[in-house]
Amino acid sequence: MTIYNIVLYKFKSEATPEQREYVKTLIEELPSRISALQSVITGEKIVHPLDHDYDMGAIFLFESKDKLAEFRPHQAHTDYRALSAPYIHDKMIFDMDTA
């Protein structure tokens, strides 16, 4: 079983390129801080008429629903959310089980 936690990010209009890069770095550092998280990839959007103005996406990979549940309350995840919040206007989260 593989669990994909897909997160789309819409930055605040005033977020600078440096602040956007900071958020990306925070995300990419999470696997080294949370053992339940196998890996993460991030990327900028490719413009599409149905992209709903989201700017960036991240795909977090977990080996099970239990590992995803372990990730959510982890202090490093809580810290990332607090540190990135000033730059994020909106997020969409979709968890997918490929079992």
PDB file of N, CA and C in Angstrom:
ATOM      1  N   MET A   1       0.850  -1.178   0.000  1.00  0.00           N
ATOM      2  CA  MET A   1       0.000   0.000   0.000  1.00  0.00           C
ATOM      3  C   MET A   1       0.895   1.242   0.000  1.00  0.00           C
ATOM      4  N   THR A   2       0.540   2.183  -0.810  1.00  0.00           N
ATOM      5  CA  THR A   2       1.235   3.469  -0.830  1.00  0.00           C
ATOM      6  C   THR A   2       0.204   4.574  -0.670  1.00  0.00           C
ATOM      7  N   ILE A   3       0.519   5.529   0.171  1.00  0.00           N
ATOM      8  CA  ILE A   3      -0.359   6.676   0.403  1.00  0.00           C
ATOM      9  C   ILE A   3       0.323   7.921  -0.159  1.00  0.00           C
ATOM     10  N   TYR A   4      -0.413   8.649  -0.980  1.00  0.00           N
ATOM     11  CA  TYR A   4       0.060   9.926  -1.505  1.00  0.00           C
ATOM     12  C   TYR A   4      -0.747  11.037  -0.838  1.00  0.00           C
ATOM     13  N   ASN A   5      -0.049  11.965  -0.232  1.00  0.00           N
ATOM     14  CA  ASN A   5      -0.661  13.153   0.358  1.00  0.00           C
ATOM     15  C   ASN A   5      -0.293  14.295  -0.590  1.00  0.00           C
ATOM     16  N   ILE A   6      -1.270  14.749  -1.354  1.00  0.00           N
ATOM     17  CA  ILE A   6      -1.041  15.760  -2.388  1.00  0.00           C
ATOM     18  C   ILE A   6      -1.527  17.104  -1.857  1.00  0.00           C
ATOM     19  N   VAL A   7      -0.645  18.089  -1.885  1.00  0.00           N
ATOM     20  CA  VAL A   7      -0.978  19.413  -1.362  1.00  0.00           C
ATOM     21  C   VAL A   7      -0.721  20.447  -2.448  1.00  0.00           C
ATOM     22  N   LEU A   8      -1.730  21.257  -2.733  1.00  0.00           N
ATOM     23  CA  LEU A   8      -1.589  22.379  -3.661  1.00  0.00           C
ATOM     24  C   LEU A   8      -1.558  23.659  -2.841  1.00  0.00           C
ATOM     25  N   TYR A   9      -0.658  24.553  -3.207  1.00  0.00           N
ATOM     26  CA  TYR A   9      -0.446  25.794  -2.460  1.00  0.00           C
ATOM     27  C   TYR A   9      -0.769  27.004  -3.328  1.00  0.00           C
ATOM     28  N   LYS A  10      -1.508  27.928  -2.749  1.00  0.00           N
ATOM     29  CA  LYS A  10      -1.765  29.222  -3.376  1.00  0.00           C
ATOM     30  C   LYS A  10      -1.112  30.259  -2.468  1.00  0.00           C
ATOM     31  N   PHE A  11      -0.086  30.914  -2.988  1.00  0.00           N
ATOM     32  CA  PHE A  11       0.631  31.905  -2.188  1.00  0.00           C
ATOM     33  C   PHE A  11      -0.141  33.217  -2.120  1.00  0.00           C
ATOM     34  N   LYS A  12       0.084  33.956  -1.052  1.00  0.00           N
ATOM     35  CA  LYS A  12      -0.456  35.308  -0.960  1.00  0.00           C
ATOM     36  C   LYS A  12       0.190  36.143  -2.052  1.00  0.00           C
ATOM     37  N   SER A  13      -0.540  37.109  -2.573  1.00  0.00           N
ATOM     38  CA  SER A  13      -0.029  37.921  -3.684  1.00  0.00           C
ATOM     39  C   SER A  13       1.233  38.679  -3.301  1.00  0.00           C
ATOM     40  N   GLU A  14       1.386  39.003  -2.023  1.00  0.00           N
ATOM     41  CA  GLU A  14       2.565  39.758  -1.592  1.00  0.00           C
ATOM     42  C   GLU A  14       3.767  38.868  -1.263  1.00  0.00           C
ATOM     43  N   ALA A  15       3.612  37.559  -1.352  1.00  0.00           N
ATOM     44  CA  ALA A  15       4.739  36.656  -1.065  1.00  0.00           C
ATOM     45  C   ALA A  15       5.822  36.844  -2.125  1.00  0.00           C
ATOM     46  N   THR A  16       7.027  37.094  -1.681  1.00  0.00           N
ATOM     47  CA  THR A  16       8.152  37.326  -2.594  1.00  0.00           C
ATOM     48  C   THR A  16       8.684  35.989  -3.118  1.00  0.00           C
ATOM     49  N   PRO A  17       9.463  36.021  -4.193  1.00  0.00           N
ATOM     50  CA  PRO A  17      10.091  34.780  -4.669  1.00  0.00           C
ATOM     51  C   PRO A  17      10.938  34.108  -3.583  1.00  0.00           C
ATOM     52  N   GLU A  18      11.596  34.898  -2.760  1.00  0.00           N
ATOM     53  CA  GLU A  18      12.404  34.341  -1.672  1.00  0.00           C
ATOM     54  C   GLU A  18      11.527  33.630  -0.632  1.00  0.00           C
ATOM     55  N   GLN A  19      10.379  34.203  -0.336  1.00  0.00           N
ATOM     56  CA  GLN A  19       9.470  33.580   0.625  1.00  0.00           C
ATOM     57  C   GLN A  19       8.872  32.291   0.059  1.00  0.00           C
ATOM     58  N   ARG A  20       8.575  32.290  -1.215  1.00  0.00           N
ATOM     59  CA  ARG A  20       8.076  31.072  -1.866  1.00  0.00           C
ATOM     60  C   ARG A  20       9.135  29.973  -1.830  1.00  0.00           C
ATOM     61  N   GLU A  21      10.369  30.345  -2.082  1.00  0.00           N
ATOM     62  CA  GLU A  21      11.470  29.381  -2.042  1.00  0.00           C
ATOM     63  C   GLU A  21      11.674  28.865  -0.613  1.00  0.00           C
ATOM     64  N   TYR A  22      11.488  29.729   0.359  1.00  0.00           N
ATOM     65  CA  TYR A  22      11.590  29.339   1.768  1.00  0.00           C
ATOM     66  C   TYR A  22      10.561  28.253   2.102  1.00  0.00           C
ATOM     67  N   VAL A  23       9.328  28.437   1.647  1.00  0.00           N
ATOM     68  CA  VAL A  23       8.279  27.443   1.884  1.00  0.00           C
ATOM     69  C   VAL A  23       8.666  26.118   1.227  1.00  0.00           C
ATOM     70  N   LYS A  24       9.149  26.191   0.005  1.00  0.00           N
ATOM     71  CA  LYS A  24       9.574  24.979  -0.704  1.00  0.00           C
ATOM     72  C   LYS A  24      10.683  24.263   0.071  1.00  0.00           C
ATOM     73  N   THR A  25      11.638  25.009   0.582  1.00  0.00           N
ATOM     74  CA  THR A  25      12.734  24.422   1.362  1.00  0.00           C
ATOM     75  C   THR A  25      12.209  23.767   2.636  1.00  0.00           C
ATOM     76  N   LEU A  26      11.272  24.427   3.319  1.00  0.00           N
ATOM     77  CA  LEU A  26      10.677  23.834   4.521  1.00  0.00           C
ATOM     78  C   LEU A  26      10.055  22.474   4.212  1.00  0.00           C
ATOM     79  N   ILE A  27       9.355  22.403   3.095  1.00  0.00           N
ATOM     80  CA  ILE A  27       8.706  21.154   2.688  1.00  0.00           C
ATOM     81  C   ILE A  27       9.753  20.085   2.395  1.00  0.00           C
ATOM     82  N   GLU A  28      10.763  20.457   1.628  1.00  0.00           N
ATOM     83  CA  GLU A  28      11.770  19.484   1.198  1.00  0.00           C
ATOM     84  C   GLU A  28      12.633  18.968   2.348  1.00  0.00           C
ATOM     85  N   GLU A  29      12.688  19.691   3.452  1.00  0.00           N
ATOM     86  CA  GLU A  29      13.450  19.253   4.625  1.00  0.00           C
ATOM     87  C   GLU A  29      12.679  18.265   5.506  1.00  0.00           C
ATOM     88  N   LEU A  30      11.377  18.152   5.303  1.00  0.00           N
ATOM     89  CA  LEU A  30      10.556  17.325   6.193  1.00  0.00           C
ATOM     90  C   LEU A  30      10.962  15.846   6.241  1.00  0.00           C
ATOM     91  N   PRO A  31      11.306  15.195   5.122  1.00  0.00           N
ATOM     92  CA  PRO A  31      11.677  13.776   5.234  1.00  0.00           C
ATOM     93  C   PRO A  31      12.882  13.525   6.144  1.00  0.00           C
ATOM     94  N   SER A  32      13.779  14.470   6.249  1.00  0.00           N
ATOM     95  CA  SER A  32      14.937  14.284   7.129  1.00  0.00           C
ATOM     96  C   SER A  32      14.575  14.493   8.597  1.00  0.00           C
ATOM     97  N   ARG A  33      13.403  15.039   8.842  1.00  0.00           N
ATOM     98  CA  ARG A  33      12.981  15.330  10.213  1.00  0.00           C
ATOM     99  C   ARG A  33      11.865  14.407  10.712  1.00  0.00           C
ATOM    100  N   ILE A  34      11.184  13.733   9.771  1.00  0.00           N
ATOM    101  CA  ILE A  34      10.040  12.891  10.140  1.00  0.00           C
ATOM    102  C   ILE A  34      10.216  11.520   9.492  1.00  0.00           C
ATOM    103  N   SER A  35      10.510  10.514  10.284  1.00  0.00           N
ATOM    104  CA  SER A  35      10.784   9.184   9.724  1.00  0.00           C
ATOM    105  C   SER A  35       9.557   8.546   9.076  1.00  0.00           C
ATOM    106  N   ALA A  36       8.358   8.942   9.468  1.00  0.00           N
ATOM    107  CA  ALA A  36       7.139   8.389   8.872  1.00  0.00           C
ATOM    108  C   ALA A  36       6.966   8.807   7.411  1.00  0.00           C
ATOM    109  N   LEU A  37       7.627   9.880   7.014  1.00  0.00           N
ATOM    110  CA  LEU A  37       7.531  10.410   5.650  1.00  0.00           C
ATOM    111  C   LEU A  37       8.645   9.802   4.805  1.00  0.00           C
ATOM    112  N   GLN A  38       8.271   9.008   3.803  1.00  0.00           N
ATOM    113  CA  GLN A  38       9.270   8.353   2.954  1.00  0.00           C
ATOM    114  C   GLN A  38       9.999   9.350   2.065  1.00  0.00           C
ATOM    115  N   SER A  39       9.227  10.207   1.404  1.00  0.00           N
ATOM    116  CA  SER A  39       9.832  11.178   0.494  1.00  0.00           C
ATOM    117  C   SER A  39       8.817  12.261   0.164  1.00  0.00           C
ATOM    118  N   VAL A  40       9.317  13.319  -0.467  1.00  0.00           N
ATOM    119  CA  VAL A  40       8.455  14.403  -0.924  1.00  0.00           C
ATOM    120  C   VAL A  40       9.053  14.979  -2.197  1.00  0.00           C
ATOM    121  N   ILE A  41       8.177  15.362  -3.108  1.00  0.00           N
ATOM    122  CA  ILE A  41       8.613  16.106  -4.293  1.00  0.00           C
ATOM    123  C   ILE A  41       7.788  17.383  -4.365  1.00  0.00           C
ATOM    124  N   THR A  42       8.405  18.437  -4.871  1.00  0.00           N
ATOM    125  CA  THR A  42       7.714  19.714  -5.024  1.00  0.00           C
ATOM    126  C   THR A  42       7.890  20.203  -6.451  1.00  0.00           C
ATOM    127  N   GLY A  43       7.010  21.081  -6.871  1.00  0.00           N
ATOM    128  CA  GLY A  43       7.150  21.651  -8.197  1.00  0.00           C
ATOM    129  C   GLY A  43       6.208  22.810  -8.419  1.00  0.00           C
ATOM    130  N   GLU A  44       6.624  23.676  -9.326  1.00  0.00           N
ATOM    131  CA  GLU A  44       5.787  24.802  -9.736  1.00  0.00           C
ATOM    132  C   GLU A  44       4.748  24.298 -10.735  1.00  0.00           C
ATOM    133  N   LYS A  45       3.630  24.970 -10.795  1.00  0.00           N
ATOM    134  CA  LYS A  45       2.571  24.537 -11.699  1.00  0.00           C
ATOM    135  C   LYS A  45       2.945  24.799 -13.152  1.00  0.00           C
ATOM    136  N   ILE A  46       2.358  24.010 -14.006  1.00  0.00           N
ATOM    137  CA  ILE A  46       2.325  24.276 -15.436  1.00  0.00           C
ATOM    138  C   ILE A  46       0.924  24.832 -15.666  1.00  0.00           C
ATOM    139  N   VAL A  47       0.827  26.003 -16.238  1.00  0.00           N
ATOM    140  CA  VAL A  47      -0.461  26.693 -16.365  1.00  0.00           C
ATOM    141  C   VAL A  47      -1.471  25.813 -17.102  1.00  0.00           C
ATOM    142  N   HIS A  48      -2.662  25.751 -16.523  1.00  0.00           N
ATOM    143  CA  HIS A  48      -3.766  24.970 -17.076  1.00  0.00           C
ATOM    144  C   HIS A  48      -5.052  25.739 -16.787  1.00  0.00           C
ATOM    145  N   PRO A  49      -6.026  25.699 -17.681  1.00  0.00           N
ATOM    146  CA  PRO A  49      -7.259  26.456 -17.445  1.00  0.00           C
ATOM    147  C   PRO A  49      -8.009  26.053 -16.172  1.00  0.00           C
ATOM    148  N   LEU A  50      -7.778  24.858 -15.670  1.00  0.00           N
ATOM    149  CA  LEU A  50      -8.490  24.396 -14.475  1.00  0.00           C
ATOM    150  C   LEU A  50      -7.599  24.328 -13.239  1.00  0.00           C
ATOM    151  N   ASP A  51      -6.498  25.092 -13.224  1.00  0.00           N
ATOM    152  CA  ASP A  51      -5.561  25.011 -12.094  1.00  0.00           C
ATOM    153  C   ASP A  51      -6.006  25.809 -10.871  1.00  0.00           C
ATOM    154  N   HIS A  52      -7.091  26.550 -10.986  1.00  0.00           N
ATOM    155  CA  HIS A  52      -7.659  27.312  -9.865  1.00  0.00           C
ATOM    156  C   HIS A  52      -6.644  28.233  -9.194  1.00  0.00           C
ATOM    157  N   ASP A  53      -5.669  28.687  -9.964  1.00  0.00           N
ATOM    158  CA  ASP A  53      -4.660  29.650  -9.509  1.00  0.00           C
ATOM    159  C   ASP A  53      -3.741  29.135  -8.401  1.00  0.00           C
ATOM    160  N   TYR A  54      -3.633  27.824  -8.241  1.00  0.00           N
ATOM    161  CA  TYR A  54      -2.640  27.293  -7.304  1.00  0.00           C
ATOM    162  C   TYR A  54      -1.266  27.471  -7.929  1.00  0.00           C
ATOM    163  N   ASP A  55      -0.275  27.736  -7.102  1.00  0.00           N
ATOM    164  CA  ASP A  55       1.063  28.095  -7.578  1.00  0.00           C
ATOM    165  C   ASP A  55       2.066  26.956  -7.545  1.00  0.00           C
ATOM    166  N   MET A  56       1.942  26.090  -6.556  1.00  0.00           N
ATOM    167  CA  MET A  56       2.947  25.060  -6.329  1.00  0.00           C
ATOM    168  C   MET A  56       2.260  23.823  -5.774  1.00  0.00           C
ATOM    169  N   GLY A  57       2.873  22.689  -5.998  1.00  0.00           N
ATOM    170  CA  GLY A  57       2.350  21.453  -5.440  1.00  0.00           C
ATOM    171  C   GLY A  57       3.437  20.657  -4.753  1.00  0.00           C
ATOM    172  N   ALA A  58       3.009  19.786  -3.844  1.00  0.00           N
ATOM    173  CA  ALA A  58       3.920  18.851  -3.183  1.00  0.00           C
ATOM    174  C   ALA A  58       3.207  17.512  -3.071  1.00  0.00           C
ATOM    175  N   ILE A  59       3.972  16.456  -3.271  1.00  0.00           N
ATOM    176  CA  ILE A  59       3.452  15.105  -3.100  1.00  0.00           C
ATOM    177  C   ILE A  59       4.289  14.433  -2.019  1.00  0.00           C
ATOM    178  N   PHE A  60       3.626  14.089  -0.928  1.00  0.00           N
ATOM    179  CA  PHE A  60       4.255  13.429   0.210  1.00  0.00           C
ATOM    180  C   PHE A  60       3.932  11.935   0.107  1.00  0.00           C
ATOM    181  N   LEU A  61       4.927  11.077   0.259  1.00  0.00           N
ATOM    182  CA  LEU A  61       4.753   9.638   0.095  1.00  0.00           C
ATOM    183  C   LEU A  61       4.894   8.918   1.438  1.00  0.00           C
ATOM    184  N   PHE A  62       3.901   8.073   1.744  1.00  0.00           N
ATOM    185  CA  PHE A  62       3.881   7.290   2.982  1.00  0.00           C
ATOM    186  C   PHE A  62       3.640   5.823   2.650  1.00  0.00           C
ATOM    187  N   GLU A  63       4.152   4.936   3.478  1.00  0.00           N
ATOM    188  CA  GLU A  63       3.968   3.509   3.216  1.00  0.00           C
ATOM    189  C   GLU A  63       2.624   2.986   3.709  1.00  0.00           C
ATOM    190  N   SER A  64       1.932   3.745   4.568  1.00  0.00           N
ATOM    191  CA  SER A  64       0.648   3.283   5.097  1.00  0.00           C
ATOM    192  C   SER A  64      -0.152   4.457   5.664  1.00  0.00           C
ATOM    193  N   LYS A  65      -1.426   4.194   5.915  1.00  0.00           N
ATOM    194  CA  LYS A  65      -2.275   5.197   6.557  1.00  0.00           C
ATOM    195  C   LYS A  65      -1.784   5.491   7.971  1.00  0.00           C
ATOM    196  N   ASP A  66      -1.239   4.472   8.623  1.00  0.00           N
ATOM    197  CA  ASP A  66      -0.697   4.678   9.971  1.00  0.00           C
ATOM    198  C   ASP A  66       0.465   5.666   9.956  1.00  0.00           C
ATOM    199  N   LYS A  67       1.323   5.575   8.933  1.00  0.00           N
ATOM    200  CA  LYS A  67       2.458   6.500   8.824  1.00  0.00           C
ATOM    201  C   LYS A  67       1.959   7.919   8.548  1.00  0.00           C
ATOM    202  N   LEU A  68       0.915   8.046   7.724  1.00  0.00           N
ATOM    203  CA  LEU A  68       0.319   9.365   7.482  1.00  0.00           C
ATOM    204  C   LEU A  68      -0.244   9.925   8.788  1.00  0.00           C
ATOM    205  N   ALA A  69      -0.919   9.079   9.552  1.00  0.00           N
ATOM    206  CA  ALA A  69      -1.480   9.513  10.837  1.00  0.00           C
ATOM    207  C   ALA A  69      -0.380   9.909  11.819  1.00  0.00           C
ATOM    208  N   GLU A  70       0.756   9.253  11.745  1.00  0.00           N
ATOM    209  CA  GLU A  70       1.905   9.588  12.598  1.00  0.00           C
ATOM    210  C   GLU A  70       2.513  10.937  12.193  1.00  0.00           C
ATOM    211  N   PHE A  71       2.487  11.226  10.910  1.00  0.00           N
ATOM    212  CA  PHE A  71       3.056  12.459  10.354  1.00  0.00           C
ATOM    213  C   PHE A  71       2.280  13.702  10.791  1.00  0.00           C
ATOM    214  N   ARG A  72       0.974  13.626  10.750  1.00  0.00           N
ATOM    215  CA  ARG A  72       0.136  14.817  10.953  1.00  0.00           C
ATOM    216  C   ARG A  72       0.420  15.572  12.251  1.00  0.00           C
ATOM    217  N   PRO A  73       0.505  14.907  13.412  1.00  0.00           N
ATOM    218  CA  PRO A  73       0.749  15.663  14.651  1.00  0.00           C
ATOM    219  C   PRO A  73       2.231  15.876  14.975  1.00  0.00           C
ATOM    220  N   HIS A  74       3.116  15.377  14.131  1.00  0.00           N
ATOM    221  CA  HIS A  74       4.557  15.471  14.416  1.00  0.00           C
ATOM    222  C   HIS A  74       4.966  16.939  14.569  1.00  0.00           C
ATOM    223  N   GLN A  75       5.848  17.213  15.523  1.00  0.00           N
ATOM    224  CA  GLN A  75       6.267  18.590  15.804  1.00  0.00           C
ATOM    225  C   GLN A  75       6.881  19.264  14.577  1.00  0.00           C
ATOM    226  N   ALA A  76       7.657  18.539  13.789  1.00  0.00           N
ATOM    227  CA  ALA A  76       8.269  19.136  12.593  1.00  0.00           C
ATOM    228  C   ALA A  76       7.205  19.546  11.578  1.00  0.00           C
ATOM    229  N   HIS A  77       6.124  18.775  11.477  1.00  0.00           N
ATOM    230  CA  HIS A  77       5.018  19.129  10.579  1.00  0.00           C
ATOM    231  C   HIS A  77       4.287  20.360  11.106  1.00  0.00           C
ATOM    232  N   THR A  78       4.063  20.390  12.405  1.00  0.00           N
ATOM    233  CA  THR A  78       3.420  21.549  13.033  1.00  0.00           C
ATOM    234  C   THR A  78       4.268  22.808  12.839  1.00  0.00           C
ATOM    235  N   ASP A  79       5.576  22.669  12.999  1.00  0.00           N
ATOM    236  CA  ASP A  79       6.482  23.810  12.802  1.00  0.00           C
ATOM    237  C   ASP A  79       6.439  24.308  11.364  1.00  0.00           C
ATOM    238  N   TYR A  80       6.494  23.386  10.405  1.00  0.00           N
ATOM    239  CA  TYR A  80       6.428  23.763   8.982  1.00  0.00           C
ATOM    240  C   TYR A  80       5.138  24.523   8.688  1.00  0.00           C
ATOM    241  N   ARG A  81       4.026  24.042   9.214  1.00  0.00           N
ATOM    242  CA  ARG A  81       2.752  24.724   8.962  1.00  0.00           C
ATOM    243  C   ARG A  81       2.762  26.139   9.532  1.00  0.00           C
ATOM    244  N   ALA A  82       3.292  26.303  10.736  1.00  0.00           N
ATOM    245  CA  ALA A  82       3.337  27.630  11.368  1.00  0.00           C
ATOM    246  C   ALA A  82       4.285  28.569  10.631  1.00  0.00           C
ATOM    247  N   LEU A  83       5.446  28.062  10.213  1.00  0.00           N
ATOM    248  CA  LEU A  83       6.434  28.903   9.533  1.00  0.00           C
ATOM    249  C   LEU A  83       6.003  29.290   8.121  1.00  0.00           C
ATOM    250  N   SER A  84       5.237  28.433   7.455  1.00  0.00           N
ATOM    251  CA  SER A  84       4.813  28.729   6.083  1.00  0.00           C
ATOM    252  C   SER A  84       3.501  29.515   6.025  1.00  0.00           C
ATOM    253  N   ALA A  85       2.716  29.481   7.083  1.00  0.00           N
ATOM    254  CA  ALA A  85       1.389  30.111   7.094  1.00  0.00           C
ATOM    255  C   ALA A  85       1.376  31.582   6.685  1.00  0.00           C
ATOM    256  N   PRO A  86       2.355  32.405   7.070  1.00  0.00           N
ATOM    257  CA  PRO A  86       2.292  33.817   6.683  1.00  0.00           C
ATOM    258  C   PRO A  86       2.337  34.057   5.169  1.00  0.00           C
ATOM    259  N   TYR A  87       2.749  33.055   4.405  1.00  0.00           N
ATOM    260  CA  TYR A  87       2.922  33.229   2.958  1.00  0.00           C
ATOM    261  C   TYR A  87       1.863  32.503   2.132  1.00  0.00           C
ATOM    262  N   ILE A  88       1.031  31.703   2.790  1.00  0.00           N
ATOM    263  CA  ILE A  88       0.062  30.862   2.097  1.00  0.00           C
ATOM    264  C   ILE A  88      -1.334  31.471   2.196  1.00  0.00           C
ATOM    265  N   HIS A  89      -1.966  31.660   1.041  1.00  0.00           N
ATOM    266  CA  HIS A  89      -3.347  32.147   0.999  1.00  0.00           C
ATOM    267  C   HIS A  89      -4.334  30.987   1.151  1.00  0.00           C
ATOM    268  N   ASP A  90      -4.024  29.861   0.486  1.00  0.00           N
ATOM    269  CA  ASP A  90      -4.944  28.728   0.489  1.00  0.00           C
ATOM    270  C   ASP A  90      -4.166  27.452   0.182  1.00  0.00           C
ATOM    271  N   LYS A  91      -4.710  26.336   0.645  1.00  0.00           N
ATOM    272  CA  LYS A  91      -4.158  25.016   0.338  1.00  0.00           C
ATOM    273  C   LYS A  91      -5.305  24.077   0.005  1.00  0.00           C
ATOM    274  N   MET A  92      -5.025  23.117  -0.856  1.00  0.00           N
ATOM    275  CA  MET A  92      -5.950  22.022  -1.101  1.00  0.00           C
ATOM    276  C   MET A  92      -5.177  20.737  -0.821  1.00  0.00           C
ATOM    277  N   ILE A  93      -5.768  19.850  -0.041  1.00  0.00           N
ATOM    278  CA  ILE A  93      -5.097  18.611   0.338  1.00  0.00           C
ATOM    279  C   ILE A  93      -5.957  17.432  -0.093  1.00  0.00           C
ATOM    280  N   PHE A  94      -5.300  16.466  -0.740  1.00  0.00           N
ATOM    281  CA  PHE A  94      -5.983  15.261  -1.212  1.00  0.00           C
ATOM    282  C   PHE A  94      -5.108  14.065  -0.867  1.00  0.00           C
ATOM    283  N   ASP A  95      -5.633  13.157  -0.054  1.00  0.00           N
ATOM    284  CA  ASP A  95      -4.912  11.940   0.305  1.00  0.00           C
ATOM    285  C   ASP A  95      -5.437  10.797  -0.553  1.00  0.00           C
ATOM    286  N   MET A  96      -4.502  10.023  -1.116  1.00  0.00           N
ATOM    287  CA  MET A  96      -4.882   8.965  -2.042  1.00  0.00           C
ATOM    288  C   MET A  96      -4.208   7.659  -1.642  1.00  0.00           C
ATOM    289  N   ASP A  97      -5.003   6.603  -1.545  1.00  0.00           N
ATOM    290  CA  ASP A  97      -4.519   5.264  -1.222  1.00  0.00           C
ATOM    291  C   ASP A  97      -4.453   4.472  -2.520  1.00  0.00           C
ATOM    292  N   THR A  98      -3.282   3.942  -2.843  1.00  0.00           N
ATOM    293  CA  THR A  98      -3.127   3.207  -4.102  1.00  0.00           C
ATOM    294  C   THR A  98      -3.169   1.696  -3.904  1.00  0.00           C
ATOM    295  N   ALA A  99      -3.702   1.254  -2.761  1.00  0.00           N
ATOM    296  CA  ALA A  99      -3.779  -0.190  -2.485  1.00  0.00           C
ATOM    297  C   ALA A  99      -4.731  -0.871  -3.445  1.00  0.00           C
TER     298      ALA A  99
END
